Amino acid sequence: CTAIAYETVTDDNGGLPLLAPMSEVAGRLAPQVGAWTLQK
């Protein structure tokens, strides 16, 4: 097959436009799940 990966598509600014939305979600989730994990 021919496989194109979302996470390595780039943009004019050197960013990763197809990874960015999930990075935003994962970044915002990380403290939330971390706070849950910190519970005794």
All heavy atoms as atom14 arrays in JSON, in Angstrom:
{
  "sequence": "CTAIAYETVTDDNGGLPLLAPMSEVAGRLAPQVGAWTLQK",
  "atom14_mask": [
    [1, 1, 1, 1, 1, 1, 0, 0, 0, 0, 0, 0, 0, 0],
    [1, 1, 1, 1, 1, 1, 1, 0, 0, 0, 0, 0, 0, 0],
    [1, 1, 1, 1, 1, 0, 0, 0, 0, 0, 0, 0, 0, 0],
    [1, 1, 1, 1, 1, 1, 1, 1, 0, 0, 0, 0, 0, 0],
    [1, 1, 1, 1, 1, 0, 0, 0, 0, 0, 0, 0, 0, 0],
    [1, 1, 1, 1, 1, 1, 1, 1, 1, 1, 1, 1, 0, 0],
    [1, 1, 1, 1, 1, 1, 1, 1, 1, 0, 0, 0, 0, 0],
    [1, 1, 1, 1, 1, 1, 1, 0, 0, 0, 0, 0, 0, 0],
    [1, 1, 1, 1, 1, 1, 1, 0, 0, 0, 0, 0, 0, 0],
    [1, 1, 1, 1, 1, 1, 1, 0, 0, 0, 0, 0, 0, 0],
    [1, 1, 1, 1, 1, 1, 1, 1, 0, 0, 0, 0, 0, 0],
    [1, 1, 1, 1, 1, 1, 1, 1, 0, 0, 0, 0, 0, 0],
    [1, 1, 1, 1, 1, 1, 1, 1, 0, 0, 0, 0, 0, 0],
    [1, 1, 1, 1, 0, 0, 0, 0, 0, 0, 0, 0, 0, 0],
    [1, 1, 1, 1, 0, 0, 0, 0, 0, 0, 0, 0, 0, 0],
    [1, 1, 1, 1, 1, 1, 1, 1, 0, 0, 0, 0, 0, 0],
    [1, 1, 1, 1, 1, 1, 1, 0, 0, 0, 0, 0, 0, 0],
    [1, 1, 1, 1, 1, 1, 1, 1, 0, 0, 0, 0, 0, 0],
    [1, 1, 1, 1, 1, 1, 1, 1, 0, 0, 0, 0, 0, 0],
    [1, 1, 1, 1, 1, 0, 0, 0, 0, 0, 0, 0, 0, 0],
    [1, 1, 1, 1, 1, 1, 1, 0, 0, 0, 0, 0, 0, 0],
    [1, 1, 1, 1, 1, 1, 1, 1, 0, 0, 0, 0, 0, 0],
    [1, 1, 1, 1, 1, 1, 0, 0, 0, 0, 0, 0, 0, 0],
    [1, 1, 1, 1, 1, 1, 1, 1, 1, 0, 0, 0, 0, 0],
    [1, 1, 1, 1, 1, 1, 1, 0, 0, 0, 0, 0, 0, 0],
    [1, 1, 1, 1, 1, 0, 0, 0, 0, 0, 0, 0, 0, 0],
    [1, 1, 1, 1, 0, 0, 0, 0, 0, 0, 0, 0, 0, 0],
    [1, 1, 1, 1, 1, 1, 1, 1, 1, 1, 1, 0, 0, 0],
    [1, 1, 1, 1, 1, 1, 1, 1, 0, 0, 0, 0, 0, 0],
    [1, 1, 1, 1, 1, 0, 0, 0, 0, 0, 0, 0, 0, 0],
    [1, 1, 1, 1, 1, 1, 1, 0, 0, 0, 0, 0, 0, 0],
    [1, 1, 1, 1, 1, 1, 1, 1, 1, 0, 0, 0, 0, 0],
    [1, 1, 1, 1, 1, 1, 1, 0, 0, 0, 0, 0, 0, 0],
    [1, 1, 1, 1, 0, 0, 0, 0, 0, 0, 0, 0, 0, 0],
    [1, 1, 1, 1, 1, 0, 0, 0, 0, 0, 0, 0, 0, 0],
    [1, 1, 1, 1, 1, 1, 1, 1, 1, 1, 1, 1, 1, 1],
    [1, 1, 1, 1, 1, 1, 1, 0, 0, 0, 0, 0, 0, 0],
    [1, 1, 1, 1, 1, 1, 1, 1, 0, 0, 0, 0, 0, 0],
    [1, 1, 1, 1, 1, 1, 1, 1, 1, 0, 0, 0, 0, 0],
    [1, 1, 1, 1, 1, 1, 1, 1, 1, 0, 0, 0, 0, 0]
  ],
  "atom14_positions": [
    [[0.83, -1.21, 0.0], [0.0, 0.0, 0.0], [0.86, 1.26, 0.0], [2.08, 1.2, 0.18], [-0.93, 0.01, 1.21], [-0.14, 0.48, 2.77], [0.0, 0.0, 0.0], [0.0, 0.0, 0.0], [0.0, 0.0, 0.0], [0.0, 0.0, 0.0], [0.0, 0.0, 0.0], [0.0, 0.0, 0.0], [0.0, 0.0, 0.0], [0.0, 0.0, 0.0]],
    [[0.21, 2.39, -0.19], [0.83, 3.7, -0.02], [0.25, 4.31, 1.25], [-0.98, 4.43, 1.38], [0.53, 4.61, -1.23], [1.1, 4.03, -2.4], [1.1, 6.01, -1.02], [0.0, 0.0, 0.0], [0.0, 0.0, 0.0], [0.0, 0.0, 0.0], [0.0, 0.0, 0.0], [0.0, 0.0, 0.0], [0.0, 0.0, 0.0], [0.0, 0.0, 0.0]],
    [[1.11, 4.67, 2.2], [0.64, 5.14, 3.5], [1.14, 6.55, 3.77], [2.35, 6.8, 3.76], [1.1, 4.19, 4.6], [0.0, 0.0, 0.0], [0.0, 0.0, 0.0], [0.0, 0.0, 0.0], [0.0, 0.0, 0.0], [0.0, 0.0, 0.0], [0.0, 0.0, 0.0], [0.0, 0.0, 0.0], [0.0, 0.0, 0.0], [0.0, 0.0, 0.0]],
    [[0.21, 7.44, 4.02], [0.52, 8.83, 4.35], [0.13, 9.06, 5.81], [-1.02, 8.82, 6.2], [-0.21, 9.8, 3.41], [0.31, 9.61, 1.98], [-0.02, 11.25, 3.87], [-0.38, 10.49, 0.96], [0.0, 0.0, 0.0], [0.0, 0.0, 0.0], [0.0, 0.0, 0.0], [0.0, 0.0, 0.0], [0.0, 0.0, 0.0], [0.0, 0.0, 0.0]],
    [[1.1, 9.51, 6.61], [0.91, 9.65, 8.06], [0.52, 11.07, 8.43], [1.22, 12.02, 8.08], [2.19, 9.24, 8.79], [0.0, 0.0, 0.0], [0.0, 0.0, 0.0], [0.0, 0.0, 0.0], [0.0, 0.0, 0.0], [0.0, 0.0, 0.0], [0.0, 0.0, 0.0], [0.0, 0.0, 0.0], [0.0, 0.0, 0.0], [0.0, 0.0, 0.0]],
    [[-0.57, 11.21, 9.14], [-0.99, 12.53, 9.61], [0.15, 13.25, 10.33], [0.34, 14.46, 10.17], [-2.15, 12.4, 10.6], [-3.47, 11.92, 10.06], [-4.45, 11.44, 10.93], [-3.78, 11.96, 8.7], [-5.68, 11.01, 10.48], [-5.01, 11.52, 8.24], [-5.96, 11.04, 9.13], [-7.18, 10.61, 8.68], [0.0, 0.0, 0.0], [0.0, 0.0, 0.0]],
    [[0.89, 12.49, 11.17], [1.8, 13.14, 12.11], [3.07, 13.7, 11.47], [3.83, 14.4, 12.14], [2.16, 12.2, 13.26], [3.12, 11.07, 12.91], [2.43, 9.84, 12.35], [1.2, 9.89, 12.09], [3.12, 8.83, 12.18], [0.0, 0.0, 0.0], [0.0, 0.0, 0.0], [0.0, 0.0, 0.0], [0.0, 0.0, 0.0], [0.0, 0.0, 0.0]],
    [[3.3, 13.4, 10.17], [4.51, 13.96, 9.55], [4.19, 14.95, 8.43], [5.12, 15.48, 7.81], [5.45, 12.85, 9.02], [4.79, 12.09, 8.01], [5.87, 11.92, 10.14], [0.0, 0.0, 0.0], [0.0, 0.0, 0.0], [0.0, 0.0, 0.0], [0.0, 0.0, 0.0], [0.0, 0.0, 0.0], [0.0, 0.0, 0.0], [0.0, 0.0, 0.0]],
    [[2.92, 15.22, 8.15], [2.56, 16.29, 7.22], [2.96, 17.62, 7.86], [2.74, 17.83, 9.06], [1.04, 16.26, 6.92], [0.64, 17.47, 6.08], [0.67, 14.97, 6.21], [0.0, 0.0, 0.0], [0.0, 0.0, 0.0], [0.0, 0.0, 0.0], [0.0, 0.0, 0.0], [0.0, 0.0, 0.0], [0.0, 0.0, 0.0], [0.0, 0.0, 0.0]],
    [[3.54, 18.52, 7.08], [4.06, 19.78, 7.62], [3.26, 20.98, 7.09], [2.3, 20.83, 6.34], [5.54, 19.95, 7.25], [5.68, 19.9, 5.81], [6.39, 18.84, 7.87], [0.0, 0.0, 0.0], [0.0, 0.0, 0.0], [0.0, 0.0, 0.0], [0.0, 0.0, 0.0], [0.0, 0.0, 0.0], [0.0, 0.0, 0.0], [0.0, 0.0, 0.0]],
    [[3.68, 22.19, 7.51], [3.09, 23.42, 6.97], [4.17, 24.46, 6.74], [5.36, 24.21, 6.99], [1.96, 23.95, 7.86], [2.43, 24.36, 9.26], [3.66, 24.62, 9.44], [1.59, 24.44, 10.17], [0.0, 0.0, 0.0], [0.0, 0.0, 0.0], [0.0, 0.0, 0.0], [0.0, 0.0, 0.0], [0.0, 0.0, 0.0], [0.0, 0.0, 0.0]],
    [[3.78, 25.62, 6.26], [4.76, 26.67, 5.91], [5.54, 27.17, 7.11], [6.63, 27.73, 6.96], [4.03, 27.86, 5.25], [3.55, 27.54, 3.85], [4.15, 26.65, 3.21], [2.57, 28.16, 3.4], [0.0, 0.0, 0.0], [0.0, 0.0, 0.0], [0.0, 0.0, 0.0], [0.0, 0.0, 0.0], [0.0, 0.0, 0.0], [0.0, 0.0, 0.0]],
    [[5.0, 27.01, 8.3], [5.65, 27.5, 9.51], [6.51, 26.45, 10.21], [6.99, 26.68, 11.31], [4.6, 28.03, 10.5], [3.76, 29.14, 9.9], [4.31, 30.05, 9.27], [2.44, 29.08, 10.08], [0.0, 0.0, 0.0], [0.0, 0.0, 0.0], [0.0, 0.0, 0.0], [0.0, 0.0, 0.0], [0.0, 0.0, 0.0], [0.0, 0.0, 0.0]],
    [[6.65, 25.29, 9.57], [7.41, 24.22, 10.19], [6.61, 23.43, 11.19], [7.17, 22.59, 11.92], [0.0, 0.0, 0.0], [0.0, 0.0, 0.0], [0.0, 0.0, 0.0], [0.0, 0.0, 0.0], [0.0, 0.0, 0.0], [0.0, 0.0, 0.0], [0.0, 0.0, 0.0], [0.0, 0.0, 0.0], [0.0, 0.0, 0.0], [0.0, 0.0, 0.0]],
    [[5.31, 23.67, 11.25], [4.44, 22.96, 12.18], [3.92, 21.66, 11.59], [4.23, 21.28, 10.45], [0.0, 0.0, 0.0], [0.0, 0.0, 0.0], [0.0, 0.0, 0.0], [0.0, 0.0, 0.0], [0.0, 0.0, 0.0], [0.0, 0.0, 0.0], [0.0, 0.0, 0.0], [0.0, 0.0, 0.0], [0.0, 0.0, 0.0], [0.0, 0.0, 0.0]],
    [[3.12, 20.96, 12.39], [2.53, 19.69, 12.01], [1.01, 19.83, 12.12], [0.42, 19.54, 13.15], [3.04, 18.57, 12.93], [4.57, 18.41, 12.96], [4.99, 17.47, 14.09], [5.09, 17.89, 11.62], [0.0, 0.0, 0.0], [0.0, 0.0, 0.0], [0.0, 0.0, 0.0], [0.0, 0.0, 0.0], [0.0, 0.0, 0.0], [0.0, 0.0, 0.0]],
    [[0.36, 20.3, 11.04], [-1.03, 20.72, 11.12], [-2.03, 19.62, 11.42], [-3.12, 19.89, 11.92], [-1.29, 21.34, 9.74], [-0.3, 20.67, 8.84], [0.92, 20.48, 9.68], [0.0, 0.0, 0.0], [0.0, 0.0, 0.0], [0.0, 0.0, 0.0], [0.0, 0.0, 0.0], [0.0, 0.0, 0.0], [0.0, 0.0, 0.0], [0.0, 0.0, 0.0]],
    [[-1.68, 18.36, 11.09], [-2.6, 17.27, 11.37], [-2.35, 16.62, 12.72], [-3.2, 15.88, 13.23], [-2.54, 16.21, 10.26], [-2.78, 16.73, 8.84], [-2.92, 15.58, 7.86], [-4.0, 17.63, 8.79], [0.0, 0.0, 0.0], [0.0, 0.0, 0.0], [0.0, 0.0, 0.0], [0.0, 0.0, 0.0], [0.0, 0.0, 0.0], [0.0, 0.0, 0.0]],
    [[-1.21, 16.91, 13.31], [-0.92, 16.46, 14.67], [-1.38, 17.51, 15.68], [-1.79, 17.17, 16.79], [0.57, 16.2, 14.83], [1.02, 15.53, 16.13], [0.4, 14.14, 16.27], [2.54, 15.42, 16.19], [0.0, 0.0, 0.0], [0.0, 0.0, 0.0], [0.0, 0.0, 0.0], [0.0, 0.0, 0.0], [0.0, 0.0, 0.0], [0.0, 0.0, 0.0]],
    [[-1.33, 18.78, 15.28], [-1.61, 19.88, 16.22], [-2.96, 19.77, 16.93], [-3.03, 19.95, 18.15], [-1.5, 21.22, 15.5], [0.0, 0.0, 0.0], [0.0, 0.0, 0.0], [0.0, 0.0, 0.0], [0.0, 0.0, 0.0], [0.0, 0.0, 0.0], [0.0, 0.0, 0.0], [0.0, 0.0, 0.0], [0.0, 0.0, 0.0], [0.0, 0.0, 0.0]],
    [[-4.08, 19.46, 16.24], [-5.35, 19.41, 16.95], [-5.38, 18.36, 18.06], [-5.92, 18.6, 19.14], [-6.39, 19.08, 15.87], [-5.71, 19.13, 14.58], [-4.24, 19.21, 14.8], [0.0, 0.0, 0.0], [0.0, 0.0, 0.0], [0.0, 0.0, 0.0], [0.0, 0.0, 0.0], [0.0, 0.0, 0.0], [0.0, 0.0, 0.0], [0.0, 0.0, 0.0]],
    [[-4.77, 17.19, 17.78], [-4.75, 16.15, 18.81], [-3.72, 16.48, 19.89], [-3.89, 16.09, 21.04], [-4.46, 14.79, 18.19], [-5.53, 14.3, 17.21], [-7.22, 14.22, 17.88], [-7.87, 15.85, 17.45], [0.0, 0.0, 0.0], [0.0, 0.0, 0.0], [0.0, 0.0, 0.0], [0.0, 0.0, 0.0], [0.0, 0.0, 0.0], [0.0, 0.0, 0.0]],
    [[-2.67, 17.2, 19.52], [-1.71, 17.65, 20.52], [-2.37, 18.65, 21.47], [-2.12, 18.65, 22.68], [-0.5, 18.3, 19.85], [0.21, 17.35, 19.08], [0.0, 0.0, 0.0], [0.0, 0.0, 0.0], [0.0, 0.0, 0.0], [0.0, 0.0, 0.0], [0.0, 0.0, 0.0], [0.0, 0.0, 0.0], [0.0, 0.0, 0.0], [0.0, 0.0, 0.0]],
    [[-3.22, 19.51, 20.91], [-3.96, 20.46, 21.74], [-4.87, 19.72, 22.72], [-4.92, 20.04, 23.91], [-4.78, 21.4, 20.86], [-3.93, 22.36, 20.05], [-4.68, 23.02, 18.91], [-5.83, 22.63, 18.63], [-4.1, 23.94, 18.27], [0.0, 0.0, 0.0], [0.0, 0.0, 0.0], [0.0, 0.0, 0.0], [0.0, 0.0, 0.0], [0.0, 0.0, 0.0]],
    [[-5.58, 18.72, 22.2], [-6.48, 17.94, 23.07], [-5.68, 17.2, 24.13], [-6.0, 17.25, 25.33], [-7.32, 16.96, 22.23], [-8.09, 16.0, 23.15], [-8.29, 17.71, 21.33], [0.0, 0.0, 0.0], [0.0, 0.0, 0.0], [0.0, 0.0, 0.0], [0.0, 0.0, 0.0], [0.0, 0.0, 0.0], [0.0, 0.0, 0.0], [0.0, 0.0, 0.0]],
    [[-4.62, 16.49, 23.7], [-3.82, 15.71, 24.66], [-3.16, 16.61, 25.69], [-3.09, 16.26, 26.88], [-2.76, 14.9, 23.91], [0.0, 0.0, 0.0], [0.0, 0.0, 0.0], [0.0, 0.0, 0.0], [0.0, 0.0, 0.0], [0.0, 0.0, 0.0], [0.0, 0.0, 0.0], [0.0, 0.0, 0.0], [0.0, 0.0, 0.0], [0.0, 0.0, 0.0]],
    [[-2.69, 17.78, 25.25], [-2.08, 18.71, 26.2], [-3.07, 19.18, 27.25], [-2.75, 19.24, 28.45], [0.0, 0.0, 0.0], [0.0, 0.0, 0.0], [0.0, 0.0, 0.0], [0.0, 0.0, 0.0], [0.0, 0.0, 0.0], [0.0, 0.0, 0.0], [0.0, 0.0, 0.0], [0.0, 0.0, 0.0], [0.0, 0.0, 0.0], [0.0, 0.0, 0.0]],
    [[-4.28, 19.49, 26.82], [-5.29, 19.95, 27.78], [-5.78, 18.83, 28.68], [-6.19, 19.08, 29.83], [-6.45, 20.59, 27.02], [-6.06, 21.9, 26.36], [-7.2, 22.55, 25.59], [-6.74, 23.82, 25.02], [-7.45, 24.95, 25.05], [-8.65, 24.97, 25.6], [-6.96, 26.05, 24.53], [0.0, 0.0, 0.0], [0.0, 0.0, 0.0], [0.0, 0.0, 0.0]],
    [[-5.74, 17.59, 28.17], [-6.16, 16.45, 28.99], [-5.1, 16.06, 30.02], [-5.44, 15.54, 31.09], [-6.42, 15.24, 28.09], [-7.82, 15.02, 27.55], [-7.83, 13.8, 26.63], [-8.82, 14.81, 28.69], [0.0, 0.0, 0.0], [0.0, 0.0, 0.0], [0.0, 0.0, 0.0], [0.0, 0.0, 0.0], [0.0, 0.0, 0.0], [0.0, 0.0, 0.0]],
    [[-3.82, 16.27, 29.7], [-2.74, 15.74, 30.52], [-2.83, 16.16, 32.0], [-2.73, 15.3, 32.89], [-1.39, 16.12, 29.93], [0.0, 0.0, 0.0], [0.0, 0.0, 0.0], [0.0, 0.0, 0.0], [0.0, 0.0, 0.0], [0.0, 0.0, 0.0], [0.0, 0.0, 0.0], [0.0, 0.0, 0.0], [0.0, 0.0, 0.0], [0.0, 0.0, 0.0]],
    [[-3.02, 17.45, 32.3], [-3.15, 17.8, 33.72], [-4.41, 17.22, 34.37], [-4.42, 16.89, 35.55], [-3.22, 19.34, 33.7], [-2.67, 19.74, 32.39], [-3.04, 18.63, 31.44], [0.0, 0.0, 0.0], [0.0, 0.0, 0.0], [0.0, 0.0, 0.0], [0.0, 0.0, 0.0], [0.0, 0.0, 0.0], [0.0, 0.0, 0.0], [0.0, 0.0, 0.0]],
    [[-5.46, 17.07, 33.55], [-6.72, 16.52, 34.06], [-6.54, 15.06, 34.49], [-6.92, 14.67, 35.6], [-7.78, 16.64, 32.97], [-9.16, 16.12, 33.31], [-10.14, 16.39, 32.17], [-10.17, 17.47, 31.6], [-10.93, 15.38, 31.83], [0.0, 0.0, 0.0], [0.0, 0.0, 0.0], [0.0, 0.0, 0.0], [0.0, 0.0, 0.0], [0.0, 0.0, 0.0]],
    [[-5.93, 14.25, 33.6], [-5.72, 12.84, 33.95], [-4.62, 12.71, 35.0], [-4.65, 11.8, 35.83], [-5.4, 12.0, 32.7], [-6.57, 12.03, 31.73], [-4.12, 12.44, 32.01], [0.0, 0.0, 0.0], [0.0, 0.0, 0.0], [0.0, 0.0, 0.0], [0.0, 0.0, 0.0], [0.0, 0.0, 0.0], [0.0, 0.0, 0.0], [0.0, 0.0, 0.0]],
    [[-3.64, 13.62, 34.95], [-2.6, 13.6, 35.97], [-3.15, 13.91, 37.34], [-2.76, 13.29, 38.34], [0.0, 0.0, 0.0], [0.0, 0.0, 0.0], [0.0, 0.0, 0.0], [0.0, 0.0, 0.0], [0.0, 0.0, 0.0], [0.0, 0.0, 0.0], [0.0, 0.0, 0.0], [0.0, 0.0, 0.0], [0.0, 0.0, 0.0], [0.0, 0.0, 0.0]],
    [[-4.09, 14.86, 37.41], [-4.73, 15.21, 38.7], [-5.51, 14.01, 39.24], [-5.5, 13.75, 40.46], [-5.65, 16.4, 38.5], [0.0, 0.0, 0.0], [0.0, 0.0, 0.0], [0.0, 0.0, 0.0], [0.0, 0.0, 0.0], [0.0, 0.0, 0.0], [0.0, 0.0, 0.0], [0.0, 0.0, 0.0], [0.0, 0.0, 0.0], [0.0, 0.0, 0.0]],
    [[-6.17, 13.27, 38.33], [-6.89, 12.07, 38.75], [-5.92, 11.01, 39.27], [-6.16, 10.37, 40.29], [-7.69, 11.53, 37.56], [-8.43, 10.26, 37.82], [-9.65, 10.11, 38.42], [-8.0, 8.94, 37.47], [-10.0, 8.78, 38.47], [-9.0, 8.03, 37.89], [-6.86, 8.43, 36.84], [-8.9, 6.65, 37.71], [-6.76, 7.05, 36.66], [-7.76, 6.19, 37.09]],
    [[-4.79, 10.86, 38.58], [-3.79, 9.87, 39.0], [-3.18, 10.24, 40.34], [-2.82, 9.36, 41.14], [-2.69, 9.74, 37.93], [-3.3, 9.47, 36.66], [-1.72, 8.62, 38.25], [0.0, 0.0, 0.0], [0.0, 0.0, 0.0], [0.0, 0.0, 0.0], [0.0, 0.0, 0.0], [0.0, 0.0, 0.0], [0.0, 0.0, 0.0], [0.0, 0.0, 0.0]],
    [[-3.08, 11.53, 40.61], [-2.52, 12.0, 41.9], [-3.41, 11.69, 43.09], [-2.96, 11.73, 44.23], [-2.26, 13.51, 41.85], [-0.9, 13.99, 41.35], [-0.87, 15.52, 41.32], [0.24, 13.47, 42.22], [0.0, 0.0, 0.0], [0.0, 0.0, 0.0], [0.0, 0.0, 0.0], [0.0, 0.0, 0.0], [0.0, 0.0, 0.0], [0.0, 0.0, 0.0]],
    [[-4.69, 11.39, 42.83], [-5.58, 11.1, 43.95], [-5.13, 9.83, 44.67], [-4.68, 8.87, 44.06], [-7.02, 10.94, 43.44], [-7.62, 12.22, 42.89], [-9.0, 12.03, 42.34], [-9.72, 11.12, 42.73], [-9.39, 12.87, 41.39], [0.0, 0.0, 0.0], [0.0, 0.0, 0.0], [0.0, 0.0, 0.0], [0.0, 0.0, 0.0], [0.0, 0.0, 0.0]],
    [[-5.25, 9.83, 45.98], [-4.73, 8.73, 46.79], [-5.35, 7.39, 46.42], [-4.67, 6.35, 46.39], [-4.98, 9.03, 48.27], [-4.22, 8.11, 49.22], [-2.72, 8.32, 49.1], [-1.95, 7.41, 50.05], [-0.49, 7.56, 49.88], [0.0, 0.0, 0.0], [0.0, 0.0, 0.0], [0.0, 0.0, 0.0], [0.0, 0.0, 0.0], [0.0, 0.0, 0.0]]
  ]
}
